[in-house]
Amino acid sequence: DNGFHKIIAKYKFTLAFENAICEDYITEKLWRPLKLGSVPIYK
């Protein structure tokens, strides 16, 4: 929802950690803040 996205967008950084470490497993945990302009801190 747009309202939830606005909450993310106000943060300079978002902790974007996957639930498992797999070669081709990249999820919305990364794409969402990347799109919204909150720098992802990724694992």
PDB file of all heavy atoms in Angstrom:
ATOM      1  N   ASP A   1       0.829  -1.198   0.000  1.00  0.00           N
ATOM      2  CA  ASP A   1       0.000   0.000   0.000  1.00  0.00           C
ATOM      3  C   ASP A   1       0.871   1.257   0.000  1.00  0.00           C
ATOM      4  O   ASP A   1       1.979   1.266   0.549  1.00  0.00           O
ATOM      5  CB  ASP A   1      -0.904   0.029   1.239  1.00  0.00           C
ATOM      6  CG  ASP A   1      -2.006  -1.019   1.177  1.00  0.00           C
ATOM      7  OD1 ASP A   1      -2.028  -1.801   0.202  1.00  0.00           O
ATOM      8  OD2 ASP A   1      -2.839  -1.054   2.099  1.00  0.00           O
ATOM      9  N   ASN A   2       0.359   2.317  -0.597  1.00  0.00           N
ATOM     10  CA  ASN A   2       1.121   3.563  -0.674  1.00  0.00           C
ATOM     11  C   ASN A   2       1.475   4.104   0.708  1.00  0.00           C
ATOM     12  O   ASN A   2       2.562   4.645   0.913  1.00  0.00           O
ATOM     13  CB  ASN A   2       0.333   4.611  -1.459  1.00  0.00           C
ATOM     14  CG  ASN A   2       0.310   4.321  -2.945  1.00  0.00           C
ATOM     15  OD1 ASN A   2       1.197   3.658  -3.466  1.00  0.00           O
ATOM     16  ND2 ASN A   2      -0.716   4.811  -3.627  1.00  0.00           N
ATOM     17  N   GLY A   3       0.568   3.963   1.662  1.00  0.00           N
ATOM     18  CA  GLY A   3       0.843   4.472   2.997  1.00  0.00           C
ATOM     19  C   GLY A   3       2.015   3.777   3.652  1.00  0.00           C
ATOM     20  O   GLY A   3       2.846   4.419   4.309  1.00  0.00           O
ATOM     21  N   PHE A   4       2.103   2.474   3.472  1.00  0.00           N
ATOM     22  CA  PHE A   4       3.236   1.726   4.021  1.00  0.00           C
ATOM     23  C   PHE A   4       4.526   2.129   3.312  1.00  0.00           C
ATOM     24  O   PHE A   4       5.577   2.278   3.934  1.00  0.00           O
ATOM     25  CB  PHE A   4       2.992   0.228   3.895  1.00  0.00           C
ATOM     26  CG  PHE A   4       4.107  -0.613   4.442  1.00  0.00           C
ATOM     27  CD1 PHE A   4       4.307  -0.724   5.818  1.00  0.00           C
ATOM     28  CD2 PHE A   4       4.984  -1.277   3.599  1.00  0.00           C
ATOM     29  CE1 PHE A   4       5.342  -1.494   6.336  1.00  0.00           C
ATOM     30  CE2 PHE A   4       6.019  -2.042   4.106  1.00  0.00           C
ATOM     31  CZ  PHE A   4       6.201  -2.157   5.471  1.00  0.00           C
ATOM     32  N   HIS A   5       4.440   2.327   2.002  1.00  0.00           N
ATOM     33  CA  HIS A   5       5.618   2.751   1.245  1.00  0.00           C
ATOM     34  C   HIS A   5       6.124   4.112   1.715  1.00  0.00           C
ATOM     35  O   HIS A   5       7.335   4.359   1.743  1.00  0.00           O
ATOM     36  CB  HIS A   5       5.288   2.799  -0.246  1.00  0.00           C
ATOM     37  CG  HIS A   5       5.184   1.446  -0.867  1.00  0.00           C
ATOM     38  ND1 HIS A   5       4.985   1.247  -2.218  1.00  0.00           N
ATOM     39  CD2 HIS A   5       5.276   0.202  -0.326  1.00  0.00           C
ATOM     40  CE1 HIS A   5       4.944  -0.048  -2.472  1.00  0.00           C
ATOM     41  NE2 HIS A   5       5.116  -0.697  -1.343  1.00  0.00           N
ATOM     42  N   LYS A   6       5.210   4.993   2.089  1.00  0.00           N
ATOM     43  CA  LYS A   6       5.625   6.317   2.569  1.00  0.00           C
ATOM     44  C   LYS A   6       6.400   6.204   3.880  1.00  0.00           C
ATOM     45  O   LYS A   6       7.312   6.998   4.139  1.00  0.00           O
ATOM     46  CB  LYS A   6       4.401   7.202   2.746  1.00  0.00           C
ATOM     47  CG  LYS A   6       3.775   7.652   1.425  1.00  0.00           C
ATOM     48  CD  LYS A   6       2.552   8.535   1.668  1.00  0.00           C
ATOM     49  CE  LYS A   6       1.944   8.972   0.335  1.00  0.00           C
ATOM     50  NZ  LYS A   6       0.725   9.800   0.553  1.00  0.00           N
ATOM     51  N   ILE A   7       6.053   5.222   4.702  1.00  0.00           N
ATOM     52  CA  ILE A   7       6.789   5.012   5.950  1.00  0.00           C
ATOM     53  C   ILE A   7       8.213   4.585   5.643  1.00  0.00           C
ATOM     54  O   ILE A   7       9.182   5.091   6.223  1.00  0.00           O
ATOM     55  CB  ILE A   7       6.074   3.962   6.827  1.00  0.00           C
ATOM     56  CG1 ILE A   7       4.713   4.500   7.280  1.00  0.00           C
ATOM     57  CG2 ILE A   7       6.936   3.595   8.032  1.00  0.00           C
ATOM     58  CD1 ILE A   7       3.864   3.481   8.008  1.00  0.00           C
ATOM     59  N   ILE A   8       8.383   3.649   4.713  1.00  0.00           N
ATOM     60  CA  ILE A   8       9.723   3.194   4.332  1.00  0.00           C
ATOM     61  C   ILE A   8      10.530   4.341   3.740  1.00  0.00           C
ATOM     62  O   ILE A   8      11.706   4.523   4.062  1.00  0.00           O
ATOM     63  CB  ILE A   8       9.628   2.040   3.319  1.00  0.00           C
ATOM     64  CG1 ILE A   8       8.954   0.825   3.942  1.00  0.00           C
ATOM     65  CG2 ILE A   8      11.024   1.660   2.802  1.00  0.00           C
ATOM     66  CD1 ILE A   8       8.737  -0.318   2.968  1.00  0.00           C
ATOM     67  N   ALA A   9       9.895   5.114   2.873  1.00  0.00           N
ATOM     68  CA  ALA A   9      10.606   6.141   2.117  1.00  0.00           C
ATOM     69  C   ALA A   9      11.184   7.241   3.001  1.00  0.00           C
ATOM     70  O   ALA A   9      12.112   7.948   2.589  1.00  0.00           O
ATOM     71  CB  ALA A   9       9.670   6.753   1.069  1.00  0.00           C
ATOM     72  N   LYS A  10      10.674   7.398   4.214  1.00  0.00           N
ATOM     73  CA  LYS A  10      11.209   8.457   5.077  1.00  0.00           C
ATOM     74  C   LYS A  10      12.515   8.044   5.752  1.00  0.00           C
ATOM     75  O   LYS A  10      13.194   8.877   6.350  1.00  0.00           O
ATOM     76  CB  LYS A  10      10.174   8.857   6.124  1.00  0.00           C
ATOM     77  CG  LYS A  10       9.958   7.857   7.233  1.00  0.00           C
ATOM     78  CD  LYS A  10       8.934   8.357   8.251  1.00  0.00           C
ATOM     79  CE  LYS A  10       8.783   7.375   9.417  1.00  0.00           C
ATOM     80  NZ  LYS A  10       7.813   7.847  10.417  1.00  0.00           N
ATOM     81  N   TYR A  11      12.870   6.764   5.658  1.00  0.00           N
ATOM     82  CA  TYR A  11      14.105   6.280   6.280  1.00  0.00           C
ATOM     83  C   TYR A  11      15.264   6.356   5.283  1.00  0.00           C
ATOM     84  O   TYR A  11      15.121   6.004   4.109  1.00  0.00           O
ATOM     85  CB  TYR A  11      13.934   4.832   6.749  1.00  0.00           C
ATOM     86  CG  TYR A  11      13.154   4.712   8.032  1.00  0.00           C
ATOM     87  CD1 TYR A  11      11.764   4.587   7.999  1.00  0.00           C
ATOM     88  CD2 TYR A  11      13.776   4.749   9.270  1.00  0.00           C
ATOM     89  CE1 TYR A  11      11.027   4.489   9.173  1.00  0.00           C
ATOM     90  CE2 TYR A  11      13.053   4.657  10.448  1.00  0.00           C
ATOM     91  CZ  TYR A  11      11.678   4.521  10.391  1.00  0.00           C
ATOM     92  OH  TYR A  11      10.957   4.428  11.551  1.00  0.00           O
ATOM     93  N   LYS A  12      16.412   6.764   5.768  1.00  0.00           N
ATOM     94  CA  LYS A  12      17.600   6.808   4.919  1.00  0.00           C
ATOM     95  C   LYS A  12      18.118   5.400   4.617  1.00  0.00           C
ATOM     96  O   LYS A  12      18.709   5.163   3.568  1.00  0.00           O
ATOM     97  CB  LYS A  12      18.700   7.637   5.586  1.00  0.00           C
ATOM     98  CG  LYS A  12      18.336   9.107   5.725  1.00  0.00           C
ATOM     99  CD  LYS A  12      19.386   9.883   6.504  1.00  0.00           C
ATOM    100  CE  LYS A  12      20.640  10.124   5.692  1.00  0.00           C
ATOM    101  NZ  LYS A  12      21.591  11.028   6.403  1.00  0.00           N
ATOM    102  N   PHE A  13      17.891   4.468   5.552  1.00  0.00           N
ATOM    103  CA  PHE A  13      18.405   3.100   5.392  1.00  0.00           C
ATOM    104  C   PHE A  13      17.322   2.086   5.765  1.00  0.00           C
ATOM    105  O   PHE A  13      16.540   2.322   6.691  1.00  0.00           O
ATOM    106  CB  PHE A  13      19.615   2.856   6.292  1.00  0.00           C
ATOM    107  CG  PHE A  13      20.734   3.832   6.121  1.00  0.00           C
ATOM    108  CD1 PHE A  13      20.844   4.937   6.949  1.00  0.00           C
ATOM    109  CD2 PHE A  13      21.688   3.652   5.120  1.00  0.00           C
ATOM    110  CE1 PHE A  13      21.890   5.836   6.804  1.00  0.00           C
ATOM    111  CE2 PHE A  13      22.727   4.555   4.969  1.00  0.00           C
ATOM    112  CZ  PHE A  13      22.832   5.650   5.807  1.00  0.00           C
ATOM    113  N   THR A  14      17.303   0.972   5.052  1.00  0.00           N
ATOM    114  CA  THR A  14      16.426  -0.157   5.389  1.00  0.00           C
ATOM    115  C   THR A  14      17.257  -1.419   5.485  1.00  0.00           C
ATOM    116  O   THR A  14      18.050  -1.726   4.584  1.00  0.00           O
ATOM    117  CB  THR A  14      15.331  -0.353   4.326  1.00  0.00           C
ATOM    118  OG1 THR A  14      14.446   0.777   4.340  1.00  0.00           O
ATOM    119  CG2 THR A  14      14.522  -1.613   4.593  1.00  0.00           C
ATOM    120  N   LEU A  15      17.090  -2.165   6.574  1.00  0.00           N
ATOM    121  CA  LEU A  15      17.766  -3.444   6.728  1.00  0.00           C
ATOM    122  C   LEU A  15      17.018  -4.485   5.905  1.00  0.00           C
ATOM    123  O   LEU A  15      15.890  -4.856   6.228  1.00  0.00           O
ATOM    124  CB  LEU A  15      17.804  -3.844   8.203  1.00  0.00           C
ATOM    125  CG  LEU A  15      18.678  -2.935   9.074  1.00  0.00           C
ATOM    126  CD1 LEU A  15      18.408  -3.183  10.550  1.00  0.00           C
ATOM    127  CD2 LEU A  15      20.158  -3.152   8.758  1.00  0.00           C
ATOM    128  N   ALA A  16      17.656  -4.927   4.832  1.00  0.00           N
ATOM    129  CA  ALA A  16      17.032  -5.863   3.887  1.00  0.00           C
ATOM    130  C   ALA A  16      17.775  -7.196   3.969  1.00  0.00           C
ATOM    131  O   ALA A  16      18.726  -7.438   3.223  1.00  0.00           O
ATOM    132  CB  ALA A  16      17.087  -5.295   2.466  1.00  0.00           C
ATOM    133  N   PHE A  17      17.340  -8.044   4.876  1.00  0.00           N
ATOM    134  CA  PHE A  17      17.990  -9.328   5.117  1.00  0.00           C
ATOM    135  C   PHE A  17      17.061 -10.449   4.639  1.00  0.00           C
ATOM    136  O   PHE A  17      15.910 -10.537   5.091  1.00  0.00           O
ATOM    137  CB  PHE A  17      18.280  -9.531   6.608  1.00  0.00           C
ATOM    138  CG  PHE A  17      19.454  -8.762   7.144  1.00  0.00           C
ATOM    139  CD1 PHE A  17      19.599  -7.406   6.909  1.00  0.00           C
ATOM    140  CD2 PHE A  17      20.416  -9.396   7.904  1.00  0.00           C
ATOM    141  CE1 PHE A  17      20.670  -6.691   7.421  1.00  0.00           C
ATOM    142  CE2 PHE A  17      21.492  -8.709   8.425  1.00  0.00           C
ATOM    143  CZ  PHE A  17      21.628  -7.339   8.180  1.00  0.00           C
ATOM    144  N   GLU A  18      17.553 -11.316   3.751  1.00  0.00           N
ATOM    145  CA  GLU A  18      16.749 -12.452   3.302  1.00  0.00           C
ATOM    146  C   GLU A  18      16.614 -13.483   4.423  1.00  0.00           C
ATOM    147  O   GLU A  18      17.423 -13.523   5.352  1.00  0.00           O
ATOM    148  CB  GLU A  18      17.393 -13.112   2.071  1.00  0.00           C
ATOM    149  CG  GLU A  18      17.666 -12.177   0.921  1.00  0.00           C
ATOM    150  CD  GLU A  18      16.412 -11.710   0.189  1.00  0.00           C
ATOM    151  OE1 GLU A  18      15.287 -12.017   0.643  1.00  0.00           O
ATOM    152  OE2 GLU A  18      16.559 -11.014  -0.837  1.00  0.00           O
ATOM    153  N   ASN A  19      15.608 -14.353   4.296  1.00  0.00           N
ATOM    154  CA  ASN A  19      15.460 -15.396   5.313  1.00  0.00           C
ATOM    155  C   ASN A  19      16.378 -16.584   5.070  1.00  0.00           C
ATOM    156  O   ASN A  19      16.552 -17.430   5.955  1.00  0.00           O
ATOM    157  CB  ASN A  19      14.000 -15.855   5.438  1.00  0.00           C
ATOM    158  CG  ASN A  19      13.403 -16.289   4.115  1.00  0.00           C
ATOM    159  OD1 ASN A  19      14.047 -16.939   3.306  1.00  0.00           O
ATOM    160  ND2 ASN A  19      12.155 -15.929   3.886  1.00  0.00           N
ATOM    161  N   ALA A  20      16.959 -16.665   3.866  1.00  0.00           N
ATOM    162  CA  ALA A  20      17.924 -17.722   3.561  1.00  0.00           C
ATOM    163  C   ALA A  20      18.938 -17.178   2.566  1.00  0.00           C
ATOM    164  O   ALA A  20      18.650 -16.256   1.801  1.00  0.00           O
ATOM    165  CB  ALA A  20      17.222 -18.960   2.993  1.00  0.00           C
ATOM    166  N   ILE A  21      20.132 -17.751   2.595  1.00  0.00           N
ATOM    167  CA  ILE A  21      21.211 -17.305   1.700  1.00  0.00           C
ATOM    168  C   ILE A  21      21.292 -18.272   0.534  1.00  0.00           C
ATOM    169  O   ILE A  21      21.784 -19.393   0.661  1.00  0.00           O
ATOM    170  CB  ILE A  21      22.558 -17.257   2.453  1.00  0.00           C
ATOM    171  CG1 ILE A  21      22.418 -16.474   3.761  1.00  0.00           C
ATOM    172  CG2 ILE A  21      23.630 -16.650   1.566  1.00  0.00           C
ATOM    173  CD1 ILE A  21      21.950 -15.066   3.609  1.00  0.00           C
ATOM    174  N   CYS A  22      20.789 -17.844  -0.628  1.00  0.00           N
ATOM    175  CA  CYS A  22      20.741 -18.691  -1.815  1.00  0.00           C
ATOM    176  C   CYS A  22      21.185 -17.869  -3.024  1.00  0.00           C
ATOM    177  O   CYS A  22      20.927 -16.663  -3.091  1.00  0.00           O
ATOM    178  CB  CYS A  22      19.340 -19.223  -2.064  1.00  0.00           C
ATOM    179  SG  CYS A  22      18.478 -19.805  -0.593  1.00  0.00           S
ATOM    180  N   GLU A  23      21.791 -18.515  -3.992  1.00  0.00           N
ATOM    181  CA  GLU A  23      22.392 -17.827  -5.128  1.00  0.00           C
ATOM    182  C   GLU A  23      21.401 -16.929  -5.866  1.00  0.00           C
ATOM    183  O   GLU A  23      21.689 -15.771  -6.165  1.00  0.00           O
ATOM    184  CB  GLU A  23      22.978 -18.849  -6.105  1.00  0.00           C
ATOM    185  CG  GLU A  23      23.738 -18.239  -7.269  1.00  0.00           C
ATOM    186  CD  GLU A  23      25.036 -17.561  -6.834  1.00  0.00           C
ATOM    187  OE1 GLU A  23      25.614 -17.973  -5.809  1.00  0.00           O
ATOM    188  OE2 GLU A  23      25.473 -16.611  -7.513  1.00  0.00           O
ATOM    189  N   ASP A  24      20.221 -17.434  -6.167  1.00  0.00           N
ATOM    190  CA  ASP A  24      19.262 -16.686  -6.988  1.00  0.00           C
ATOM    191  C   ASP A  24      18.040 -16.219  -6.208  1.00  0.00           C
ATOM    192  O   ASP A  24      16.998 -15.973  -6.789  1.00  0.00           O
ATOM    193  CB  ASP A  24      18.801 -17.558  -8.163  1.00  0.00           C
ATOM    194  CG  ASP A  24      19.865 -17.686  -9.230  1.00  0.00           C
ATOM    195  OD1 ASP A  24      20.792 -16.866  -9.228  1.00  0.00           O
ATOM    196  OD2 ASP A  24      19.777 -18.601 -10.059  1.00  0.00           O
ATOM    197  N   TYR A  25      18.169 -16.101  -4.913  1.00  0.00           N
ATOM    198  CA  TYR A  25      17.027 -15.739  -4.077  1.00  0.00           C
ATOM    199  C   TYR A  25      17.159 -14.289  -3.635  1.00  0.00           C
ATOM    200  O   TYR A  25      17.863 -13.970  -2.675  1.00  0.00           O
ATOM    201  CB  TYR A  25      16.961 -16.675  -2.865  1.00  0.00           C
ATOM    202  CG  TYR A  25      15.768 -16.464  -1.961  1.00  0.00           C
ATOM    203  CD1 TYR A  25      14.469 -16.627  -2.435  1.00  0.00           C
ATOM    204  CD2 TYR A  25      15.942 -16.119  -0.628  1.00  0.00           C
ATOM    205  CE1 TYR A  25      13.373 -16.460  -1.602  1.00  0.00           C
ATOM    206  CE2 TYR A  25      14.859 -15.950   0.221  1.00  0.00           C
ATOM    207  CZ  TYR A  25      13.572 -16.120  -0.270  1.00  0.00           C
ATOM    208  OH  TYR A  25      12.496 -15.944   0.560  1.00  0.00           O
ATOM    209  N   ILE A  26      16.504 -13.400  -4.381  1.00  0.00           N
ATOM    210  CA  ILE A  26      16.500 -11.970  -4.062  1.00  0.00           C
ATOM    211  C   ILE A  26      15.046 -11.523  -4.080  1.00  0.00           C
ATOM    212  O   ILE A  26      14.365 -11.675  -5.095  1.00  0.00           O
ATOM    213  CB  ILE A  26      17.320 -11.153  -5.074  1.00  0.00           C
ATOM    214  CG1 ILE A  26      18.744 -11.707  -5.198  1.00  0.00           C
ATOM    215  CG2 ILE A  26      17.362  -9.689  -4.667  1.00  0.00           C
ATOM    216  CD1 ILE A  26      19.556 -11.056  -6.299  1.00  0.00           C
ATOM    217  N   THR A  27      14.566 -10.973  -2.981  1.00  0.00           N
ATOM    218  CA  THR A  27      13.133 -10.736  -2.845  1.00  0.00           C
ATOM    219  C   THR A  27      12.799  -9.255  -2.683  1.00  0.00           C
ATOM    220  O   THR A  27      13.675  -8.384  -2.758  1.00  0.00           O
ATOM    221  CB  THR A  27      12.590 -11.504  -1.628  1.00  0.00           C
ATOM    222  OG1 THR A  27      13.075 -10.877  -0.427  1.00  0.00           O
ATOM    223  CG2 THR A  27      13.033 -12.962  -1.637  1.00  0.00           C
ATOM    224  N   GLU A  28      11.510  -9.032  -2.417  1.00  0.00           N
ATOM    225  CA  GLU A  28      11.016  -7.667  -2.223  1.00  0.00           C
ATOM    226  C   GLU A  28      11.677  -6.969  -1.051  1.00  0.00           C
ATOM    227  O   GLU A  28      11.640  -5.734  -0.959  1.00  0.00           O
ATOM    228  CB  GLU A  28       9.495  -7.683  -2.023  1.00  0.00           C
ATOM    229  CG  GLU A  28       8.993  -8.041  -0.633  1.00  0.00           C
ATOM    230  CD  GLU A  28       9.209  -9.513  -0.256  1.00  0.00           C
ATOM    231  OE1 GLU A  28       9.395 -10.355  -1.162  1.00  0.00           O
ATOM    232  OE2 GLU A  28       9.193  -9.813   0.947  1.00  0.00           O
ATOM    233  N   LYS A  29      12.318  -7.728  -0.171  1.00  0.00           N
ATOM    234  CA  LYS A  29      13.031  -7.101   0.953  1.00  0.00           C
ATOM    235  C   LYS A  29      14.089  -6.138   0.436  1.00  0.00           C
ATOM    236  O   LYS A  29      14.388  -5.134   1.072  1.00  0.00           O
ATOM    237  CB  LYS A  29      13.663  -8.184   1.827  1.00  0.00           C
ATOM    238  CG  LYS A  29      12.668  -9.109   2.490  1.00  0.00           C
ATOM    239  CD  LYS A  29      13.369 -10.219   3.225  1.00  0.00           C
ATOM    240  CE  LYS A  29      12.383 -11.236   3.778  1.00  0.00           C
ATOM    241  NZ  LYS A  29      11.644 -11.960   2.721  1.00  0.00           N
ATOM    242  N   LEU A  30      14.655  -6.451  -0.719  1.00  0.00           N
ATOM    243  CA  LEU A  30      15.634  -5.567  -1.363  1.00  0.00           C
ATOM    244  C   LEU A  30      14.964  -4.627  -2.351  1.00  0.00           C
ATOM    245  O   LEU A  30      15.228  -3.415  -2.353  1.00  0.00           O
ATOM    246  CB  LEU A  30      16.700  -6.392  -2.075  1.00  0.00           C
ATOM    247  CG  LEU A  30      17.660  -5.605  -2.969  1.00  0.00           C
ATOM    248  CD1 LEU A  30      18.445  -4.583  -2.144  1.00  0.00           C
ATOM    249  CD2 LEU A  30      18.606  -6.546  -3.687  1.00  0.00           C
ATOM    250  N   TRP A  31      14.096  -5.158  -3.217  1.00  0.00           N
ATOM    251  CA  TRP A  31      13.544  -4.337  -4.303  1.00  0.00           C
ATOM    252  C   TRP A  31      12.694  -3.192  -3.785  1.00  0.00           C
ATOM    253  O   TRP A  31      12.701  -2.103  -4.359  1.00  0.00           O
ATOM    254  CB  TRP A  31      12.706  -5.210  -5.251  1.00  0.00           C
ATOM    255  CG  TRP A  31      13.426  -6.411  -5.773  1.00  0.00           C
ATOM    256  CD1 TRP A  31      13.044  -7.712  -5.662  1.00  0.00           C
ATOM    257  CD2 TRP A  31      14.665  -6.427  -6.502  1.00  0.00           C
ATOM    258  NE1 TRP A  31      13.968  -8.541  -6.267  1.00  0.00           N
ATOM    259  CE2 TRP A  31      14.969  -7.776  -6.787  1.00  0.00           C
ATOM    260  CE3 TRP A  31      15.546  -5.428  -6.925  1.00  0.00           C
ATOM    261  CZ2 TRP A  31      16.117  -8.157  -7.482  1.00  0.00           C
ATOM    262  CZ3 TRP A  31      16.694  -5.809  -7.612  1.00  0.00           C
ATOM    263  CH2 TRP A  31      16.957  -7.150  -7.890  1.00  0.00           C
ATOM    264  N   ARG A  32      11.953  -3.429  -2.703  1.00  0.00           N
ATOM    265  CA  ARG A  32      11.039  -2.389  -2.220  1.00  0.00           C
ATOM    266  C   ARG A  32      11.784  -1.128  -1.766  1.00  0.00           C
ATOM    267  O   ARG A  32      11.492  -0.028  -2.253  1.00  0.00           O
ATOM    268  CB  ARG A  32      10.156  -2.948  -1.095  1.00  0.00           C
ATOM    269  CG  ARG A  32       9.073  -1.964  -0.651  1.00  0.00           C
ATOM    270  CD  ARG A  32       8.272  -2.537   0.513  1.00  0.00           C
ATOM    271  NE  ARG A  32       7.409  -3.614   0.093  1.00  0.00           N
ATOM    272  CZ  ARG A  32       7.413  -4.846   0.631  1.00  0.00           C
ATOM    273  NH1 ARG A  32       8.250  -5.130   1.611  1.00  0.00           N
ATOM    274  NH2 ARG A  32       6.581  -5.774   0.209  1.00  0.00           N
ATOM    275  N   PRO A  33      12.759  -1.214  -0.841  1.00  0.00           N
ATOM    276  CA  PRO A  33      13.462   0.017  -0.450  1.00  0.00           C
ATOM    277  C   PRO A  33      14.288   0.604  -1.591  1.00  0.00           C
ATOM    278  O   PRO A  33      14.420   1.834  -1.686  1.00  0.00           O
ATOM    279  CB  PRO A  33      14.352  -0.430   0.720  1.00  0.00           C
ATOM    280  CG  PRO A  33      14.477  -1.909   0.583  1.00  0.00           C
ATOM    281  CD  PRO A  33      13.191  -2.370  -0.025  1.00  0.00           C
ATOM    282  N   LEU A  34      14.831  -0.245  -2.461  1.00  0.00           N
ATOM    283  CA  LEU A  34      15.605   0.252  -3.597  1.00  0.00           C
ATOM    284  C   LEU A  34      14.734   1.145  -4.466  1.00  0.00           C
ATOM    285  O   LEU A  34      15.153   2.217  -4.916  1.00  0.00           O
ATOM    286  CB  LEU A  34      16.153  -0.926  -4.411  1.00  0.00           C
ATOM    287  CG  LEU A  34      17.185  -0.593  -5.477  1.00  0.00           C
ATOM    288  CD1 LEU A  34      18.511  -0.190  -4.850  1.00  0.00           C
ATOM    289  CD2 LEU A  34      17.391  -1.802  -6.403  1.00  0.00           C
ATOM    290  N   LYS A  35      13.503   0.709  -4.687  1.00  0.00           N
ATOM    291  CA  LYS A  35      12.554   1.490  -5.489  1.00  0.00           C
ATOM    292  C   LYS A  35      12.161   2.783  -4.789  1.00  0.00           C
ATOM    293  O   LYS A  35      12.015   3.832  -5.426  1.00  0.00           O
ATOM    294  CB  LYS A  35      11.316   0.636  -5.760  1.00  0.00           C
ATOM    295  CG  LYS A  35      10.158   1.382  -6.394  1.00  0.00           C
ATOM    296  CD  LYS A  35       8.937   0.478  -6.513  1.00  0.00           C
ATOM    297  CE  LYS A  35       7.734   1.246  -7.039  1.00  0.00           C
ATOM    298  NZ  LYS A  35       6.524   0.377  -7.116  1.00  0.00           N
ATOM    299  N   LEU A  36      12.015   2.723  -3.462  1.00  0.00           N
ATOM    300  CA  LEU A  36      11.469   3.855  -2.720  1.00  0.00           C
ATOM    301  C   LEU A  36      12.515   4.880  -2.297  1.00  0.00           C
ATOM    302  O   LEU A  36      12.167   5.919  -1.747  1.00  0.00           O
ATOM    303  CB  LEU A  36      10.723   3.343  -1.484  1.00  0.00           C
ATOM    304  CG  LEU A  36       9.503   2.463  -1.776  1.00  0.00           C
ATOM    305  CD1 LEU A  36       8.944   1.870  -0.492  1.00  0.00           C
ATOM    306  CD2 LEU A  36       8.432   3.259  -2.507  1.00  0.00           C
ATOM    307  N   GLY A  37      13.809   4.586  -2.525  1.00  0.00           N
ATOM    308  CA  GLY A  37      14.839   5.565  -2.208  1.00  0.00           C
ATOM    309  C   GLY A  37      15.383   5.472  -0.804  1.00  0.00           C
ATOM    310  O   GLY A  37      16.049   6.390  -0.334  1.00  0.00           O
ATOM    311  N   SER A  38      15.129   4.348  -0.117  1.00  0.00           N
ATOM    312  CA  SER A  38      15.760   4.084   1.175  1.00  0.00           C
ATOM    313  C   SER A  38      16.889   3.096   0.923  1.00  0.00           C
ATOM    314  O   SER A  38      16.660   1.988   0.424  1.00  0.00           O
ATOM    315  CB  SER A  38      14.734   3.478   2.148  1.00  0.00           C
ATOM    316  OG  SER A  38      15.340   3.165   3.386  1.00  0.00           O
ATOM    317  N   VAL A  39      18.108   3.478   1.215  1.00  0.00           N
ATOM    318  CA  VAL A  39      19.264   2.668   0.833  1.00  0.00           C
ATOM    319  C   VAL A  39      19.209   1.308   1.531  1.00  0.00           C
ATOM    320  O   VAL A  39      19.192   1.226   2.755  1.00  0.00           O
ATOM    321  CB  VAL A  39      20.583   3.387   1.189  1.00  0.00           C
ATOM    322  CG1 VAL A  39      21.780   2.483   0.891  1.00  0.00           C
ATOM    323  CG2 VAL A  39      20.685   4.696   0.416  1.00  0.00           C
ATOM    324  N   PRO A  40      19.174   0.207   0.763  1.00  0.00           N
ATOM    325  CA  PRO A  40      19.128  -1.120   1.379  1.00  0.00           C
ATOM    326  C   PRO A  40      20.483  -1.518   1.968  1.00  0.00           C
ATOM    327  O   PRO A  40      21.524  -1.337   1.341  1.00  0.00           O
ATOM    328  CB  PRO A  40      18.762  -2.054   0.211  1.00  0.00           C
ATOM    329  CG  PRO A  40      18.280  -1.165  -0.889  1.00  0.00           C
ATOM    330  CD  PRO A  40      19.025   0.130  -0.705  1.00  0.00           C
ATOM    331  N   ILE A  41      20.431  -2.042   3.180  1.00  0.00           N
ATOM    332  CA  ILE A  41      21.589  -2.682   3.795  1.00  0.00           C
ATOM    333  C   ILE A  41      21.317  -4.171   3.686  1.00  0.00           C
ATOM    334  O   ILE A  41      20.460  -4.709   4.388  1.00  0.00           O
ATOM    335  CB  ILE A  41      21.754  -2.235   5.255  1.00  0.00           C
ATOM    336  CG1 ILE A  41      21.941  -0.711   5.313  1.00  0.00           C
ATOM    337  CG2 ILE A  41      22.926  -2.943   5.914  1.00  0.00           C
ATOM    338  CD1 ILE A  41      21.867  -0.138   6.717  1.00  0.00           C
ATOM    339  N   TYR A  42      22.026  -4.850   2.770  1.00  0.00           N
ATOM    340  CA  TYR A  42      21.564  -6.156   2.289  1.00  0.00           C
ATOM    341  C   TYR A  42      22.435  -7.315   2.756  1.00  0.00           C
ATOM    342  O   TYR A  42      23.659  -7.250   2.752  1.00  0.00           O
ATOM    343  CB  TYR A  42      21.542  -6.151   0.760  1.00  0.00           C
ATOM    344  CG  TYR A  42      20.994  -7.443   0.169  1.00  0.00           C
ATOM    345  CD1 TYR A  42      19.631  -7.710   0.194  1.00  0.00           C
ATOM    346  CD2 TYR A  42      21.843  -8.378  -0.403  1.00  0.00           C
ATOM    347  CE1 TYR A  42      19.123  -8.880  -0.338  1.00  0.00           C
ATOM    348  CE2 TYR A  42      21.346  -9.555  -0.938  1.00  0.00           C
ATOM    349  CZ  TYR A  42      19.974  -9.807  -0.904  1.00  0.00           C
ATOM    350  OH  TYR A  42      19.485 -10.961  -1.426  1.00  0.00           O
ATOM    351  N   LYS A  43      21.721  -8.394   3.130  1.00  0.00           N
ATOM    352  CA  LYS A  43      22.356  -9.673   3.427  1.00  0.00           C
ATOM    353  C   LYS A  43      21.534 -10.750   2.727  1.00  0.00           C
ATOM    354  O   LYS A  43      20.343 -10.912   3.008  1.00  0.00           O
ATOM    355  CB  LYS A  43      22.376  -9.918   4.939  1.00  0.00           C
ATOM    356  CG  LYS A  43      22.834 -11.309   5.363  1.00  0.00           C
ATOM    357  CD  LYS A  43      24.318 -11.500   5.192  1.00  0.00           C
ATOM    358  CE  LYS A  43      24.750 -12.850   5.772  1.00  0.00           C
ATOM    359  NZ  LYS A  43      26.203 -13.090   5.575  1.00  0.00           N
TER     360      LYS A  43
END
